[in-house]
Each structure stands twice: as C-alpha cells, then as structure tokens.
Amino acid sequence: MKNAADSDLARLRDIVRTFVDERDWDQFHTPKNLASALSVEAAELLEHFQWLQSGQLGELGAAKLQEVRHEMADVLVYLVRLADKLDVDLFAAVEEKMVLNRAKYPADKVRGDARKYDEYKS
C-alpha cells in the first residue's frame, strides 16, 4: 500500500508532466538539461541567503520568504522532473539513502557534531 507522501510525489509528477506536455517541452528535458536547471535554481535559492547573518526566518521578511518559496518550488519541480525522466522513485530513493546515512552517521557517535563522516571515525 502506498503512503500519502508517495501519493503526493506522484501527484506532483503528474502536475509537472501536464505542464510540460501542454508546452511541448519534453524535447528539451534531457537528464543533463534538467540537472543543469536544478543546479541553477538551487543557486537562485541560495542567493536569497547570501548576505544574511544566519538565514533564519526572522531575517527574511514576508516578501523575501515568498521569493524563497518560489525558488524552492522551482528546485522541487526540476528534481521531480529529473526523477520522472530517469524513472527514479524519489520516495524509495530517500528511504534507501537514509539507511545508508544512518550507517555512515550513527546517532550515538555524531549527535551534535557537524563534521563529515570521515572526520570523526576512529
């Protein structure tokens, strides 16, 4: 049985597919192009935080937060589209990656430690 998050991702995929199909843009959506667009949108998201002290919600204000939300949506759209083109189940990929991350970053060894996994192992 599929869970709600899985269904939500499928709905997002379908929304993006419809948008792309209505514009005949599939021809431009190669995995390379989508990965490039994803990187550009992630950089545009980062730009909103570039000169902030910490980037906490209180520093953004309503207008900036709206811009950040739109950039986050762009990042998600390109990620969902890339997953669709490569037939990747994002929900399953996250579950799989979390298993790997738990092994790489055991909570009892890394709690409160931001170092990379190869910097704390003995």
Protein backbone atom coordinates (compact mmCIF):
# COMPACT_ATOMS: atom_id res chain seq x y z
CA MET A 1 0.00 0.00 0.00
CA LYS A 2 1.35 3.42 -0.95
CA ASN A 3 1.59 6.08 1.71
CA ALA A 4 0.47 9.70 1.49
CA ALA A 5 3.95 11.11 0.78
CA ASP A 6 4.40 8.69 -2.09
CA SER A 7 1.00 9.71 -3.47
CA ASP A 8 1.87 13.40 -3.10
CA LEU A 9 5.06 12.90 -5.12
CA ALA A 10 3.09 11.10 -7.83
CA ARG A 11 0.61 13.99 -7.92
CA LEU A 12 3.47 16.49 -8.24
CA ARG A 13 4.97 14.41 -11.06
CA ASP A 14 1.64 14.42 -12.87
CA ILE A 15 1.20 18.19 -12.43
CA VAL A 16 4.67 18.81 -13.86
CA ARG A 17 4.12 16.32 -16.70
CA THR A 18 0.91 18.07 -17.70
CA PHE A 19 2.57 21.49 -17.64
CA VAL A 20 5.44 20.22 -19.81
CA ASP A 21 3.16 18.38 -22.22
CA GLU A 22 0.95 21.46 -22.72
CA ARG A 23 4.04 23.35 -23.88
CA ASP A 24 5.74 20.55 -25.86
CA TRP A 25 8.88 20.96 -23.72
CA ASP A 26 9.68 17.28 -23.22
CA GLN A 27 12.10 17.51 -26.13
CA PHE A 28 14.26 19.88 -24.06
CA HIS A 29 14.08 17.91 -20.83
CA THR A 30 17.08 15.66 -21.13
CA PRO A 31 18.52 14.45 -17.84
CA LYS A 32 21.58 16.66 -18.42
CA ASN A 33 19.46 19.75 -19.07
CA LEU A 34 17.25 19.05 -16.06
CA ALA A 35 20.25 18.52 -13.78
CA SER A 36 21.72 21.80 -15.04
CA ALA A 37 18.44 23.64 -14.48
CA LEU A 38 18.19 22.13 -11.00
CA SER A 39 21.65 23.45 -10.16
CA VAL A 40 20.77 26.93 -11.45
CA GLU A 41 17.57 27.04 -9.41
CA ALA A 42 19.40 25.86 -6.29
CA ALA A 43 21.88 28.70 -6.79
CA GLU A 44 18.99 31.16 -7.14
CA LEU A 45 17.62 29.85 -3.85
CA LEU A 46 21.00 30.30 -2.18
CA GLU A 47 21.24 33.85 -3.49
CA HIS A 48 18.43 34.93 -1.16
CA PHE A 49 20.52 33.87 1.85
CA GLN A 50 23.90 35.07 0.60
CA TRP A 51 24.37 38.13 2.81
CA LEU A 52 22.13 37.26 5.72
CA GLN A 53 23.67 36.64 9.12
CA SER A 54 22.11 33.21 9.63
CA GLY A 55 19.22 32.97 7.19
CA GLN A 56 16.67 32.34 9.90
CA LEU A 57 13.02 33.02 9.16
CA GLY A 58 13.06 36.31 11.04
CA GLU A 59 15.72 37.72 8.73
CA LEU A 60 13.72 37.08 5.58
CA GLY A 61 10.52 39.09 5.94
CA ALA A 62 7.32 38.30 4.08
CA ALA A 63 8.38 39.38 0.58
CA LYS A 64 11.73 37.59 0.71
CA LEU A 65 10.08 34.47 2.13
CA GLN A 66 7.67 34.43 -0.81
CA GLU A 67 10.63 34.61 -3.22
CA VAL A 68 12.36 31.79 -1.33
CA ARG A 69 9.20 29.67 -1.52
CA HIS A 70 9.08 30.14 -5.29
CA GLU A 71 12.74 29.19 -5.68
CA MET A 72 12.17 26.11 -3.51
CA ALA A 73 9.26 25.18 -5.77
CA ASP A 74 11.47 25.56 -8.85
CA VAL A 75 14.09 23.26 -7.30
CA LEU A 76 11.44 20.67 -6.48
CA VAL A 77 9.88 20.85 -9.94
CA TYR A 78 13.19 20.17 -11.66
CA LEU A 79 14.04 17.38 -9.21
CA VAL A 80 10.65 15.73 -9.72
CA ARG A 81 11.00 16.10 -13.50
CA LEU A 82 14.51 14.60 -13.46
CA ALA A 83 13.30 11.67 -11.38
CA ASP A 84 10.44 11.17 -13.83
CA LYS A 85 12.78 11.14 -16.83
CA LEU A 86 15.14 8.66 -15.14
CA ASP A 87 12.31 6.54 -13.70
CA VAL A 88 13.53 7.11 -10.14
CA ASP A 89 11.08 6.66 -7.30
CA LEU A 90 12.11 9.60 -5.13
CA PHE A 91 10.35 8.31 -2.03
CA ALA A 92 12.12 4.96 -2.29
CA ALA A 93 15.43 6.70 -3.07
CA VAL A 94 15.15 8.79 0.11
CA GLU A 95 14.30 5.73 2.19
CA GLU A 96 17.31 3.90 0.74
CA LYS A 97 19.63 6.86 1.27
CA MET A 98 18.51 7.29 4.88
CA VAL A 99 19.54 3.68 5.59
CA LEU A 100 22.98 4.46 4.18
CA ASN A 101 23.17 7.75 6.11
CA ARG A 102 22.24 6.03 9.38
CA ALA A 103 25.15 3.63 8.89
CA LYS A 104 27.52 6.43 7.90
CA TYR A 105 26.40 8.78 10.69
CA PRO A 106 25.41 6.69 13.74
CA ALA A 107 23.43 8.94 16.08
CA ASP A 108 25.33 7.80 19.17
CA LYS A 109 28.63 8.92 17.60
CA VAL A 110 27.66 12.11 15.77
CA ARG A 111 24.95 13.73 17.85
CA GLY A 112 25.65 17.46 17.88
CA ASP A 113 28.73 17.05 15.64
CA ALA A 114 28.60 18.63 12.17
CA ARG A 115 31.83 17.12 10.87
CA LYS A 116 31.84 14.89 7.81
CA TYR A 117 31.65 11.14 8.46
CA ASP A 118 35.33 10.53 7.68
CA GLU A 119 36.44 13.14 10.22
CA TYR A 120 35.00 11.52 13.35
CA LYS A 121 35.56 7.82 12.75
CA SER A 122 38.37 6.28 14.74
